[in-house]
């Protein structure tokens, strides 16, 4: 098992999120090899896809992978809200 397969296995086991030693959350999207990262200390998102790398050219803050993770987290919070 190579390191990417191990990483994917761990993420599947822990609901799609792994927190590393620095506190960064690592997310993945099914059938994608991109590593979507969130730094809760700086509230900073990053992704290793080309759209995120070259986003400044198109005047965008995030790529579609980050937006998908943000929407997933929002829906999870809405569904688990204490007061509905």
PDB file of N, CA and C in Angstrom:
ATOM      1  N   UNK A   1       0.859  -1.172   0.000  1.00  0.00           N
ATOM      2  CA  UNK A   1       0.000   0.000   0.000  1.00  0.00           C
ATOM      3  C   UNK A   1       0.908   1.239   0.000  1.00  0.00           C
ATOM      4  N   UNK A   2       0.732   2.122  -1.000  1.00  0.00           N
ATOM      5  CA  UNK A   2       1.546   3.336  -1.038  1.00  0.00           C
ATOM      6  C   UNK A   2       0.952   4.400  -0.115  1.00  0.00           C
ATOM      7  N   UNK A   3       1.637   5.514   0.016  1.00  0.00           N
ATOM      8  CA  UNK A   3       1.226   6.538   0.977  1.00  0.00           C
ATOM      9  C   UNK A   3      -0.120   7.162   0.620  1.00  0.00           C
ATOM     10  N   UNK A   4      -0.416   7.326  -0.672  1.00  0.00           N
ATOM     11  CA  UNK A   4      -1.703   7.909  -1.072  1.00  0.00           C
ATOM     12  C   UNK A   4      -2.856   6.961  -0.745  1.00  0.00           C
ATOM     13  N   UNK A   5      -2.671   5.674  -0.977  1.00  0.00           N
ATOM     14  CA  UNK A   5      -3.706   4.694  -0.647  1.00  0.00           C
ATOM     15  C   UNK A   5      -3.946   4.661   0.851  1.00  0.00           C
ATOM     16  N   UNK A   6      -2.874   4.744   1.632  1.00  0.00           N
ATOM     17  CA  UNK A   6      -3.004   4.766   3.085  1.00  0.00           C
ATOM     18  C   UNK A   6      -3.756   6.010   3.542  1.00  0.00           C
ATOM     19  N   UNK A   7      -3.414   7.151   2.963  1.00  0.00           N
ATOM     20  CA  UNK A   7      -4.083   8.408   3.293  1.00  0.00           C
ATOM     21  C   UNK A   7      -5.572   8.325   2.970  1.00  0.00           C
ATOM     22  N   UNK A   8      -5.913   7.806   1.794  1.00  0.00           N
ATOM     23  CA  UNK A   8      -7.321   7.658   1.400  1.00  0.00           C
ATOM     24  C   UNK A   8      -8.069   6.715   2.337  1.00  0.00           C
ATOM     25  N   UNK A   9      -7.420   5.635   2.743  1.00  0.00           N
ATOM     26  CA  UNK A   9      -8.040   4.689   3.666  1.00  0.00           C
ATOM     27  C   UNK A   9      -8.328   5.349   5.013  1.00  0.00           C
ATOM     28  N   UNK A  10      -7.377   6.105   5.521  1.00  0.00           N
ATOM     29  CA  UNK A  10      -7.557   6.780   6.814  1.00  0.00           C
ATOM     30  C   UNK A  10      -8.673   7.807   6.725  1.00  0.00           C
ATOM     31  N   UNK A  11      -8.724   8.555   5.651  1.00  0.00           N
ATOM     32  CA  UNK A  11      -9.779   9.566   5.495  1.00  0.00           C
ATOM     33  C   UNK A  11     -11.154   8.909   5.433  1.00  0.00           C
ATOM     34  N   UNK A  12     -11.285   7.808   4.722  1.00  0.00           N
ATOM     35  CA  UNK A  12     -12.571   7.102   4.666  1.00  0.00           C
ATOM     36  C   UNK A  12     -12.974   6.606   6.050  1.00  0.00           C
ATOM     37  N   UNK A  13     -12.012   6.162   6.820  1.00  0.00           N
ATOM     38  CA  UNK A  13     -12.283   5.630   8.146  1.00  0.00           C
ATOM     39  C   UNK A  13     -12.761   6.711   9.113  1.00  0.00           C
ATOM     40  N   UNK A  14     -12.281   7.951   8.938  1.00  0.00           N
ATOM     41  CA  UNK A  14     -12.598   9.040   9.857  1.00  0.00           C
ATOM     42  C   UNK A  14     -13.482  10.105   9.212  1.00  0.00           C
ATOM     43  N   UNK A  15     -14.515   9.700   8.527  1.00  0.00           N
ATOM     44  CA  UNK A  15     -15.544  10.584   7.968  1.00  0.00           C
ATOM     45  C   UNK A  15     -15.001  11.657   7.031  1.00  0.00           C
ATOM     46  N   UNK A  16     -13.974  11.347   6.289  1.00  0.00           N
ATOM     47  CA  UNK A  16     -13.484  12.266   5.276  1.00  0.00           C
ATOM     48  C   UNK A  16     -12.571  13.364   5.753  1.00  0.00           C
ATOM     49  N   UNK A  17     -12.136  13.318   7.012  1.00  0.00           N
ATOM     50  CA  UNK A  17     -11.270  14.363   7.544  1.00  0.00           C
ATOM     51  C   UNK A  17     -10.139  13.747   8.356  1.00  0.00           C
ATOM     52  N   UNK A  18      -8.934  14.265   8.137  1.00  0.00           N
ATOM     53  CA  UNK A  18      -7.776  13.885   8.942  1.00  0.00           C
ATOM     54  C   UNK A  18      -7.139  15.176   9.430  1.00  0.00           C
ATOM     55  N   UNK A  19      -6.775  15.222  10.700  1.00  0.00           N
ATOM     56  CA  UNK A  19      -6.102  16.390  11.265  1.00  0.00           C
ATOM     57  C   UNK A  19      -4.650  16.019  11.502  1.00  0.00           C
ATOM     58  N   UNK A  20      -3.748  16.801  10.917  1.00  0.00           N
ATOM     59  CA  UNK A  20      -2.331  16.473  11.035  1.00  0.00           C
ATOM     60  C   UNK A  20      -1.726  17.061  12.313  1.00  0.00           C
ATOM     61  N   UNK A  21      -0.415  16.917  12.474  1.00  0.00           N
ATOM     62  CA  UNK A  21       0.280  17.377  13.676  1.00  0.00           C
ATOM     63  C   UNK A  21       0.236  18.884  13.864  1.00  0.00           C
ATOM     64  N   UNK A  22       0.024  19.630  12.787  1.00  0.00           N
ATOM     65  CA  UNK A  22      -0.016  21.085  12.854  1.00  0.00           C
ATOM     66  C   UNK A  22      -1.427  21.628  13.056  1.00  0.00           C
ATOM     67  N   UNK A  23      -2.422  20.756  13.113  1.00  0.00           N
ATOM     68  CA  UNK A  23      -3.805  21.164  13.315  1.00  0.00           C
ATOM     69  C   UNK A  23      -4.569  21.390  12.017  1.00  0.00           C
ATOM     70  N   UNK A  24      -3.936  21.177  10.882  1.00  0.00           N
ATOM     71  CA  UNK A  24      -4.615  21.341   9.598  1.00  0.00           C
ATOM     72  C   UNK A  24      -5.585  20.190   9.369  1.00  0.00           C
ATOM     73  N   UNK A  25      -6.765  20.511   8.857  1.00  0.00           N
ATOM     74  CA  UNK A  25      -7.734  19.490   8.465  1.00  0.00           C
ATOM     75  C   UNK A  25      -7.492  19.156   6.995  1.00  0.00           C
ATOM     76  N   UNK A  26      -7.390  17.878   6.684  1.00  0.00           N
ATOM     77  CA  UNK A  26      -7.211  17.432   5.306  1.00  0.00           C
ATOM     78  C   UNK A  26      -8.496  16.737   4.875  1.00  0.00           C
ATOM     79  N   UNK A  27      -9.067  17.221   3.787  1.00  0.00           N
ATOM     80  CA  UNK A  27     -10.315  16.677   3.248  1.00  0.00           C
ATOM     81  C   UNK A  27     -10.049  16.121   1.857  1.00  0.00           C
ATOM     82  N   UNK A  28     -10.879  15.181   1.450  1.00  0.00           N
ATOM     83  CA  UNK A  28     -10.828  14.703   0.066  1.00  0.00           C
ATOM     84  C   UNK A  28     -12.246  14.618  -0.481  1.00  0.00           C
ATOM     85  N   UNK A  29     -12.315  14.578  -1.778  1.00  0.00           N
ATOM     86  CA  UNK A  29     -13.571  14.405  -2.486  1.00  0.00           C
ATOM     87  C   UNK A  29     -13.497  13.061  -3.181  1.00  0.00           C
ATOM     88  N   UNK A  30     -14.578  12.320  -3.156  1.00  0.00           N
ATOM     89  CA  UNK A  30     -14.601  10.985  -3.736  1.00  0.00           C
ATOM     90  C   UNK A  30     -14.145  11.014  -5.194  1.00  0.00           C
ATOM     91  N   UNK A  31     -13.291  10.081  -5.538  1.00  0.00           N
ATOM     92  CA  UNK A  31     -12.740   9.908  -6.884  1.00  0.00           C
ATOM     93  C   UNK A  31     -11.842  11.061  -7.339  1.00  0.00           C
ATOM     94  N   UNK A  32     -11.353  11.870  -6.416  1.00  0.00           N
ATOM     95  CA  UNK A  32     -10.407  12.945  -6.739  1.00  0.00           C
ATOM     96  C   UNK A  32      -9.137  12.722  -5.921  1.00  0.00           C
ATOM     97  N   UNK A  33      -8.012  13.095  -6.483  1.00  0.00           N
ATOM     98  CA  UNK A  33      -6.740  12.901  -5.789  1.00  0.00           C
ATOM     99  C   UNK A  33      -6.249  14.174  -5.119  1.00  0.00           C
ATOM    100  N   UNK A  34      -7.066  15.207  -5.087  1.00  0.00           N
ATOM    101  CA  UNK A  34      -6.649  16.478  -4.517  1.00  0.00           C
ATOM    102  C   UNK A  34      -6.698  16.445  -2.994  1.00  0.00           C
ATOM    103  N   UNK A  35      -5.768  17.162  -2.402  1.00  0.00           N
ATOM    104  CA  UNK A  35      -5.733  17.320  -0.953  1.00  0.00           C
ATOM    105  C   UNK A  35      -6.242  18.722  -0.640  1.00  0.00           C
ATOM    106  N   UNK A  36      -7.419  18.807  -0.046  1.00  0.00           N
ATOM    107  CA  UNK A  36      -8.013  20.079   0.324  1.00  0.00           C
ATOM    108  C   UNK A  36      -7.706  20.288   1.802  1.00  0.00           C
ATOM    109  N   UNK A  37      -7.057  21.404   2.121  1.00  0.00           N
ATOM    110  CA  UNK A  37      -6.587  21.637   3.486  1.00  0.00           C
ATOM    111  C   UNK A  37      -7.234  22.885   4.081  1.00  0.00           C
ATOM    112  N   UNK A  38      -7.484  22.833   5.393  1.00  0.00           N
ATOM    113  CA  UNK A  38      -8.017  23.988   6.124  1.00  0.00           C
ATOM    114  C   UNK A  38      -7.178  24.199   7.366  1.00  0.00           C
ATOM    115  N   UNK A  39      -6.686  25.421   7.541  1.00  0.00           N
ATOM    116  CA  UNK A  39      -5.919  25.786   8.726  1.00  0.00           C
ATOM    117  C   UNK A  39      -6.841  26.568   9.656  1.00  0.00           C
ATOM    118  N   UNK A  40      -7.321  25.956  10.747  1.00  0.00           N
ATOM    119  CA  UNK A  40      -8.272  26.647  11.623  1.00  0.00           C
ATOM    120  C   UNK A  40      -7.657  27.820  12.390  1.00  0.00           C
ATOM    121  N   UNK A  41      -6.351  27.849  12.531  1.00  0.00           N
ATOM    122  CA  UNK A  41      -5.711  28.968  13.239  1.00  0.00           C
ATOM    123  C   UNK A  41      -5.759  30.244  12.416  1.00  0.00           C
ATOM    124  N   UNK A  42      -5.552  30.109  11.105  1.00  0.00           N
ATOM    125  CA  UNK A  42      -5.566  31.275  10.221  1.00  0.00           C
ATOM    126  C   UNK A  42      -6.841  31.373   9.403  1.00  0.00           C
ATOM    127  N   UNK A  43      -7.728  30.395   9.532  1.00  0.00           N
ATOM    128  CA  UNK A  43      -8.961  30.310   8.739  1.00  0.00           C
ATOM    129  C   UNK A  43      -8.631  30.366   7.245  1.00  0.00           C
ATOM    130  N   UNK A  44      -7.654  29.572   6.859  1.00  0.00           N
ATOM    131  CA  UNK A  44      -7.120  29.593   5.508  1.00  0.00           C
ATOM    132  C   UNK A  44      -7.358  28.248   4.821  1.00  0.00           C
ATOM    133  N   UNK A  45      -7.901  28.284   3.597  1.00  0.00           N
ATOM    134  CA  UNK A  45      -8.133  27.100   2.791  1.00  0.00           C
ATOM    135  C   UNK A  45      -7.087  27.009   1.698  1.00  0.00           C
ATOM    136  N   UNK A  46      -6.733  25.784   1.317  1.00  0.00           N
ATOM    137  CA  UNK A  46      -5.865  25.577   0.160  1.00  0.00           C
ATOM    138  C   UNK A  46      -6.193  24.225  -0.465  1.00  0.00           C
ATOM    139  N   UNK A  47      -5.850  24.108  -1.738  1.00  0.00           N
ATOM    140  CA  UNK A  47      -6.086  22.891  -2.497  1.00  0.00           C
ATOM    141  C   UNK A  47      -4.924  22.740  -3.464  1.00  0.00           C
ATOM    142  N   UNK A  48      -4.590  21.516  -3.819  1.00  0.00           N
ATOM    143  CA  UNK A  48      -3.463  21.340  -4.731  1.00  0.00           C
ATOM    144  C   UNK A  48      -3.886  21.121  -6.182  1.00  0.00           C
ATOM    145  N   UNK A  49      -5.115  21.536  -6.528  1.00  0.00           N
ATOM    146  CA  UNK A  49      -5.555  21.450  -7.924  1.00  0.00           C
ATOM    147  C   UNK A  49      -5.054  22.671  -8.700  1.00  0.00           C
ATOM    148  N   UNK A  50      -5.074  22.587 -10.007  1.00  0.00           N
ATOM    149  CA  UNK A  50      -4.592  23.687 -10.849  1.00  0.00           C
ATOM    150  C   UNK A  50      -5.503  24.902 -10.772  1.00  0.00           C
ATOM    151  N   UNK A  51      -6.787  24.694 -10.611  1.00  0.00           N
ATOM    152  CA  UNK A  51      -7.718  25.820 -10.522  1.00  0.00           C
ATOM    153  C   UNK A  51      -7.409  26.692  -9.310  1.00  0.00           C
ATOM    154  N   UNK A  52      -7.049  26.077  -8.194  1.00  0.00           N
ATOM    155  CA  UNK A  52      -6.693  26.859  -7.015  1.00  0.00           C
ATOM    156  C   UNK A  52      -5.332  27.524  -7.203  1.00  0.00           C
ATOM    157  N   UNK A  53      -4.411  26.809  -7.813  1.00  0.00           N
ATOM    158  CA  UNK A  53      -3.070  27.349  -8.023  1.00  0.00           C
ATOM    159  C   UNK A  53      -3.106  28.613  -8.877  1.00  0.00           C
ATOM    160  N   UNK A  54      -3.940  28.617  -9.915  1.00  0.00           N
ATOM    161  CA  UNK A  54      -3.995  29.754 -10.837  1.00  0.00           C
ATOM    162  C   UNK A  54      -5.249  30.601 -10.653  1.00  0.00           C
ATOM    163  N   UNK A  55      -5.861  30.581  -9.489  1.00  0.00           N
ATOM    164  CA  UNK A  55      -7.130  31.269  -9.259  1.00  0.00           C
ATOM    165  C   UNK A  55      -7.016  32.785  -9.353  1.00  0.00           C
ATOM    166  N   UNK A  56      -5.871  33.333  -9.036  1.00  0.00           N
ATOM    167  CA  UNK A  56      -5.725  34.791  -9.054  1.00  0.00           C
ATOM    168  C   UNK A  56      -5.903  35.350 -10.462  1.00  0.00           C
ATOM    169  N   UNK A  57      -5.544  34.546 -11.442  1.00  0.00           N
ATOM    170  CA  UNK A  57      -5.711  34.964 -12.837  1.00  0.00           C
ATOM    171  C   UNK A  57      -7.186  35.203 -13.144  1.00  0.00           C
ATOM    172  N   UNK A  58      -8.066  34.403 -12.518  1.00  0.00           N
ATOM    173  CA  UNK A  58      -9.500  34.510 -12.767  1.00  0.00           C
ATOM    174  C   UNK A  58     -10.234  35.252 -11.652  1.00  0.00           C
ATOM    175  N   UNK A  59      -9.471  35.854 -10.731  1.00  0.00           N
ATOM    176  CA  UNK A  59     -10.020  36.659  -9.626  1.00  0.00           C
ATOM    177  C   UNK A  59     -11.017  35.869  -8.769  1.00  0.00           C
ATOM    178  N   UNK A  60     -10.641  34.648  -8.427  1.00  0.00           N
ATOM    179  CA  UNK A  60     -11.472  33.810  -7.563  1.00  0.00           C
ATOM    180  C   UNK A  60     -10.707  33.510  -6.287  1.00  0.00           C
ATOM    181  N   UNK A  61     -11.453  33.385  -5.199  1.00  0.00           N
ATOM    182  CA  UNK A  61     -10.812  33.098  -3.917  1.00  0.00           C
ATOM    183  C   UNK A  61     -10.606  31.605  -3.716  1.00  0.00           C
ATOM    184  N   UNK A  62     -11.583  30.795  -4.138  1.00  0.00           N
ATOM    185  CA  UNK A  62     -11.522  29.349  -3.909  1.00  0.00           C
ATOM    186  C   UNK A  62     -11.813  28.587  -5.192  1.00  0.00           C
ATOM    187  N   UNK A  63     -11.399  27.328  -5.201  1.00  0.00           N
ATOM    188  CA  UNK A  63     -11.742  26.425  -6.308  1.00  0.00           C
ATOM    189  C   UNK A  63     -13.048  25.693  -5.957  1.00  0.00           C
ATOM    190  N   UNK A  64     -13.565  24.940  -6.901  1.00  0.00           N
ATOM    191  CA  UNK A  64     -14.837  24.238  -6.679  1.00  0.00           C
ATOM    192  C   UNK A  64     -14.705  23.139  -5.631  1.00  0.00           C
ATOM    193  N   UNK A  65     -13.504  22.602  -5.429  1.00  0.00           N
ATOM    194  CA  UNK A  65     -13.304  21.550  -4.434  1.00  0.00           C
ATOM    195  C   UNK A  65     -13.451  22.111  -3.018  1.00  0.00           C
ATOM    196  N   UNK A  66     -12.890  23.292  -2.792  1.00  0.00           N
ATOM    197  CA  UNK A  66     -13.013  23.931  -1.479  1.00  0.00           C
ATOM    198  C   UNK A  66     -14.463  24.308  -1.220  1.00  0.00           C
ATOM    199  N   UNK A  67     -15.134  24.833  -2.218  1.00  0.00           N
ATOM    200  CA  UNK A  67     -16.544  25.208  -2.060  1.00  0.00           C
ATOM    201  C   UNK A  67     -17.399  23.985  -1.746  1.00  0.00           C
ATOM    202  N   UNK A  68     -17.092  22.854  -2.379  1.00  0.00           N
ATOM    203  CA  UNK A  68     -17.833  21.625  -2.096  1.00  0.00           C
ATOM    204  C   UNK A  68     -17.638  21.181  -0.643  1.00  0.00           C
ATOM    205  N   UNK A  69     -16.415  21.248  -0.142  1.00  0.00           N
ATOM    206  CA  UNK A  69     -16.149  20.879   1.254  1.00  0.00           C
ATOM    207  C   UNK A  69     -16.832  21.849   2.203  1.00  0.00           C
ATOM    208  N   UNK A  70     -16.779  23.140   1.910  1.00  0.00           N
ATOM    209  CA  UNK A  70     -17.446  24.132   2.748  1.00  0.00           C
ATOM    210  C   UNK A  70     -18.951  23.879   2.799  1.00  0.00           C
ATOM    211  N   UNK A  71     -19.550  23.574   1.661  1.00  0.00           N
ATOM    212  CA  UNK A  71     -20.985  23.281   1.623  1.00  0.00           C
ATOM    213  C   UNK A  71     -21.312  22.011   2.399  1.00  0.00           C
ATOM    214  N   UNK A  72     -20.452  21.007   2.288  1.00  0.00           N
ATOM    215  CA  UNK A  72     -20.646  19.763   3.032  1.00  0.00           C
ATOM    216  C   UNK A  72     -20.601  20.026   4.541  1.00  0.00           C
ATOM    217  N   UNK A  73     -19.641  20.836   4.976  1.00  0.00           N
ATOM    218  CA  UNK A  73     -19.535  21.163   6.402  1.00  0.00           C
ATOM    219  C   UNK A  73     -20.744  21.968   6.877  1.00  0.00           C
ATOM    220  N   UNK A  74     -21.231  22.889   6.041  1.00  0.00           N
ATOM    221  CA  UNK A  74     -22.397  23.684   6.386  1.00  0.00           C
ATOM    222  C   UNK A  74     -23.637  22.811   6.519  1.00  0.00           C
ATOM    223  N   UNK A  75     -23.854  21.904   5.583  1.00  0.00           N
ATOM    224  CA  UNK A  75     -25.005  21.006   5.652  1.00  0.00           C
ATOM    225  C   UNK A  75     -24.926  20.105   6.880  1.00  0.00           C
ATOM    226  N   UNK A  76     -23.728  19.663   7.222  1.00  0.00           N
ATOM    227  CA  UNK A  76     -23.553  18.827   8.411  1.00  0.00           C
ATOM    228  C   UNK A  76     -23.930  19.616   9.663  1.00  0.00           C
ATOM    229  N   UNK A  77     -23.506  20.865   9.735  1.00  0.00           N
ATOM    230  CA  UNK A  77     -23.832  21.686  10.903  1.00  0.00           C
ATOM    231  C   UNK A  77     -25.327  21.967  10.986  1.00  0.00           C
ATOM    232  N   UNK A  78     -25.942  22.207   9.823  1.00  0.00           N
ATOM    233  CA  UNK A  78     -27.387  22.448   9.814  1.00  0.00           C
ATOM    234  C   UNK A  78     -28.157  21.210  10.267  1.00  0.00           C
ATOM    235  N   UNK A  79     -27.737  20.056   9.831  1.00  0.00           N
ATOM    236  CA  UNK A  79     -28.461  18.826  10.181  1.00  0.00           C
ATOM    237  C   UNK A  79     -28.238  18.412  11.625  1.00  0.00           C
ATOM    238  N   UNK A  80     -27.161  18.868  12.237  1.00  0.00           N
ATOM    239  CA  UNK A  80     -26.882  18.515  13.618  1.00  0.00           C
ATOM    240  C   UNK A  80     -27.056  19.671  14.582  1.00  0.00           C
ATOM    241  N   UNK A  81     -27.807  20.695  14.176  1.00  0.00           N
ATOM    242  CA  UNK A  81     -28.036  21.855  15.039  1.00  0.00           C
ATOM    243  C   UNK A  81     -28.860  21.453  16.245  1.00  0.00           C
ATOM    244  N   UNK A  82     -28.548  22.053  17.387  1.00  0.00           N
ATOM    245  CA  UNK A  82     -29.291  21.735  18.619  1.00  0.00           C
ATOM    246  C   UNK A  82     -30.706  22.285  18.552  1.00  0.00           C
ATOM    247  N   UNK A  83     -30.865  23.474  18.006  1.00  0.00           N
ATOM    248  CA  UNK A  83     -32.168  24.097  17.965  1.00  0.00           C
ATOM    249  C   UNK A  83     -32.633  24.210  16.522  1.00  0.00           C
ATOM    250  N   UNK A  84     -33.634  23.417  16.180  1.00  0.00           N
ATOM    251  CA  UNK A  84     -34.158  23.436  14.806  1.00  0.00           C
ATOM    252  C   UNK A  84     -35.490  24.135  14.770  1.00  0.00           C
TER     253      UNK A  84
END
